[in-house]
Amino acid sequence: MCRNIVPLNNLEPAATDEECHDAAVQFVRKISGTNAPSRANQAVFDRAVEEIAQATRALLDGLVTSAPPKNREQEASKRRARSAERYEAIRVFQEEKRAVRATT
């Protein structure tokens, strides 16, 4: 899954239409393999975003859960911590790689 798309279900306060749209944009970018479509593809790109945003909204409105709502700030904090771990692991790997190159 694209790391920029965050879970939107069962949040307090509930996900907004803007968040659904932003997730749809990220999804279409990932699937199409482009951040900005050409002029020839702009209409189909925009239509896909709109359809996916509507489907996302319908999905979120239809889901039922007995779990208590998640706190947005706590969820964001967890995502930041996971990201920091990932980037630290990458940094350590790159340093080790440089050290190996320096010795050879």
C-alpha atoms as a PDB file:
ATOM      1  CA  MET A   1       0.000   0.000   0.000  1.00  0.00           C
ATOM      2  CA  CYS A   2       1.161   3.506  -0.675  1.00  0.00           C
ATOM      3  CA  ARG A   3       2.580   4.971   2.514  1.00  0.00           C
ATOM      4  CA  ASN A   4       0.903   8.311   1.831  1.00  0.00           C
ATOM      5  CA  ILE A   5      -2.559   6.766   2.070  1.00  0.00           C
ATOM      6  CA  VAL A   6      -3.561   6.582   5.707  1.00  0.00           C
ATOM      7  CA  PRO A   7      -6.401   4.511   7.187  1.00  0.00           C
ATOM      8  CA  LEU A   8      -9.504   6.705   7.418  1.00  0.00           C
ATOM      9  CA  ASN A   9     -11.957   4.333   9.082  1.00  0.00           C
ATOM     10  CA  ASN A  10     -13.117   4.754  12.673  1.00  0.00           C
ATOM     11  CA  LEU A  11     -11.411   8.069  13.407  1.00  0.00           C
ATOM     12  CA  GLU A  12     -12.592  10.757  15.772  1.00  0.00           C
ATOM     13  CA  PRO A  13     -13.552  13.128  14.236  1.00  0.00           C
ATOM     14  CA  ALA A  14     -14.650  11.205  11.166  1.00  0.00           C
ATOM     15  CA  ALA A  15     -12.783  11.438   7.870  1.00  0.00           C
ATOM     16  CA  THR A  16     -13.649  14.441   5.747  1.00  0.00           C
ATOM     17  CA  ASP A  17     -14.484  14.523   2.045  1.00  0.00           C
ATOM     18  CA  GLU A  18     -11.152  16.284   1.514  1.00  0.00           C
ATOM     19  CA  GLU A  19      -9.295  13.370   3.129  1.00  0.00           C
ATOM     20  CA  CYS A  20     -11.188  10.934   0.899  1.00  0.00           C
ATOM     21  CA  HIS A  21     -10.214  13.032  -2.134  1.00  0.00           C
ATOM     22  CA  ASP A  22      -6.551  13.198  -1.051  1.00  0.00           C
ATOM     23  CA  ALA A  23      -6.444   9.416  -0.607  1.00  0.00           C
ATOM     24  CA  ALA A  24      -8.013   8.989  -4.049  1.00  0.00           C
ATOM     25  CA  VAL A  25      -5.382  11.259  -5.611  1.00  0.00           C
ATOM     26  CA  GLN A  26      -2.585   9.233  -4.018  1.00  0.00           C
ATOM     27  CA  PHE A  27      -4.184   5.979  -5.171  1.00  0.00           C
ATOM     28  CA  VAL A  28      -4.583   7.178  -8.776  1.00  0.00           C
ATOM     29  CA  ARG A  29      -1.025   8.508  -8.808  1.00  0.00           C
ATOM     30  CA  LYS A  30       0.266   5.140  -7.603  1.00  0.00           C
ATOM     31  CA  ILE A  31      -1.787   3.117 -10.085  1.00  0.00           C
ATOM     32  CA  SER A  32      -1.077   5.401 -13.057  1.00  0.00           C
ATOM     33  CA  GLY A  33       2.600   5.729 -12.221  1.00  0.00           C
ATOM     34  CA  THR A  34       2.568   9.503 -12.520  1.00  0.00           C
ATOM     35  CA  ASN A  35       2.223  12.452 -10.173  1.00  0.00           C
ATOM     36  CA  ALA A  36       0.928  14.770 -12.864  1.00  0.00           C
ATOM     37  CA  PRO A  37      -0.832  13.416 -15.936  1.00  0.00           C
ATOM     38  CA  SER A  38      -0.284  14.859 -19.391  1.00  0.00           C
ATOM     39  CA  ARG A  39      -2.938  17.195 -20.777  1.00  0.00           C
ATOM     40  CA  ALA A  40      -4.201  14.310 -22.884  1.00  0.00           C
ATOM     41  CA  ASN A  41      -4.787  12.212 -19.765  1.00  0.00           C
ATOM     42  CA  GLN A  42      -5.920  14.948 -17.350  1.00  0.00           C
ATOM     43  CA  ALA A  43      -9.663  14.361 -17.819  1.00  0.00           C
ATOM     44  CA  VAL A  44      -9.478  10.606 -17.285  1.00  0.00           C
ATOM     45  CA  PHE A  45      -7.135  11.119 -14.297  1.00  0.00           C
ATOM     46  CA  ASP A  46      -9.541  13.627 -12.702  1.00  0.00           C
ATOM     47  CA  ARG A  47     -12.541  11.384 -13.385  1.00  0.00           C
ATOM     48  CA  ALA A  48     -10.803   8.434 -11.750  1.00  0.00           C
ATOM     49  CA  VAL A  49      -9.949  10.544  -8.684  1.00  0.00           C
ATOM     50  CA  GLU A  50     -13.565  11.685  -8.357  1.00  0.00           C
ATOM     51  CA  GLU A  51     -14.988   8.176  -8.741  1.00  0.00           C
ATOM     52  CA  ILE A  52     -12.535   6.721  -6.216  1.00  0.00           C
ATOM     53  CA  ALA A  53     -13.193   9.553  -3.763  1.00  0.00           C
ATOM     54  CA  GLN A  54     -16.939   8.842  -3.992  1.00  0.00           C
ATOM     55  CA  ALA A  55     -16.365   5.113  -3.536  1.00  0.00           C
ATOM     56  CA  THR A  56     -14.127   5.832  -0.546  1.00  0.00           C
ATOM     57  CA  ARG A  57     -16.777   8.054   1.040  1.00  0.00           C
ATOM     58  CA  ALA A  58     -19.453   5.369   0.462  1.00  0.00           C
ATOM     59  CA  LEU A  59     -17.189   2.717   1.953  1.00  0.00           C
ATOM     60  CA  LEU A  60     -16.399   4.737   5.062  1.00  0.00           C
ATOM     61  CA  ASP A  61     -20.052   5.687   5.555  1.00  0.00           C
ATOM     62  CA  GLY A  62     -21.121   2.049   5.248  1.00  0.00           C
ATOM     63  CA  LEU A  63     -18.548   0.406   7.510  1.00  0.00           C
ATOM     64  CA  VAL A  64     -19.719  -0.663  10.967  1.00  0.00           C
ATOM     65  CA  THR A  65     -17.438  -1.378  13.907  1.00  0.00           C
ATOM     66  CA  SER A  66     -17.808  -2.015  17.618  1.00  0.00           C
ATOM     67  CA  ALA A  67     -14.278  -0.752  18.315  1.00  0.00           C
ATOM     68  CA  PRO A  68     -13.918   2.642  19.945  1.00  0.00           C
ATOM     69  CA  PRO A  69     -12.899   5.472  17.588  1.00  0.00           C
ATOM     70  CA  LYS A  70      -9.169   6.028  17.124  1.00  0.00           C
ATOM     71  CA  ASN A  71      -7.565   9.254  18.229  1.00  0.00           C
ATOM     72  CA  ARG A  72      -6.200  11.065  15.169  1.00  0.00           C
ATOM     73  CA  GLU A  73      -3.168  12.501  16.952  1.00  0.00           C
ATOM     74  CA  GLN A  74      -2.169   9.132  18.435  1.00  0.00           C
ATOM     75  CA  GLU A  75      -2.489   7.467  15.025  1.00  0.00           C
ATOM     76  CA  ALA A  76      -0.402  10.225  13.416  1.00  0.00           C
ATOM     77  CA  SER A  77       2.209   9.808  16.147  1.00  0.00           C
ATOM     78  CA  LYS A  78       2.411   6.065  15.441  1.00  0.00           C
ATOM     79  CA  ARG A  79       2.885   6.757  11.710  1.00  0.00           C
ATOM     80  CA  ARG A  80       5.661   9.269  12.445  1.00  0.00           C
ATOM     81  CA  ALA A  81       7.417   6.748  14.713  1.00  0.00           C
ATOM     82  CA  ARG A  82       7.252   4.018  12.039  1.00  0.00           C
ATOM     83  CA  SER A  83       8.580   6.456   9.471  1.00  0.00           C
ATOM     84  CA  ALA A  84      11.458   7.486  11.739  1.00  0.00           C
ATOM     85  CA  GLU A  85      12.363   3.814  12.261  1.00  0.00           C
ATOM     86  CA  ARG A  86      12.338   3.204   8.506  1.00  0.00           C
ATOM     87  CA  TYR A  87      14.535   6.198   7.757  1.00  0.00           C
ATOM     88  CA  GLU A  88      16.925   5.366  10.585  1.00  0.00           C
ATOM     89  CA  ALA A  89      17.294   1.820   9.249  1.00  0.00           C
ATOM     90  CA  ILE A  90      18.012   3.223   5.778  1.00  0.00           C
ATOM     91  CA  ARG A  91      20.577   5.657   7.204  1.00  0.00           C
ATOM     92  CA  VAL A  92      22.367   2.881   9.122  1.00  0.00           C
ATOM     93  CA  PHE A  93      22.392   0.645   6.042  1.00  0.00           C
ATOM     94  CA  GLN A  94      23.864   3.414   3.902  1.00  0.00           C
ATOM     95  CA  GLU A  95      26.569   4.156   6.480  1.00  0.00           C
ATOM     96  CA  GLU A  96      27.514   0.481   6.644  1.00  0.00           C
ATOM     97  CA  LYS A  97      27.634   0.326   2.856  1.00  0.00           C
ATOM     98  CA  ARG A  98      29.920   3.374   2.722  1.00  0.00           C
ATOM     99  CA  ALA A  99      32.177   1.854   5.378  1.00  0.00           C
ATOM    100  CA  VAL A 100      32.520  -1.368   3.362  1.00  0.00           C
ATOM    101  CA  ARG A 101      33.364   0.617   0.223  1.00  0.00           C
ATOM    102  CA  ALA A 102      35.952   2.653   2.118  1.00  0.00           C
ATOM    103  CA  THR A 103      37.758  -0.492   3.276  1.00  0.00           C
ATOM    104  CA  THR A 104      37.867  -2.127  -0.149  1.00  0.00           C
END
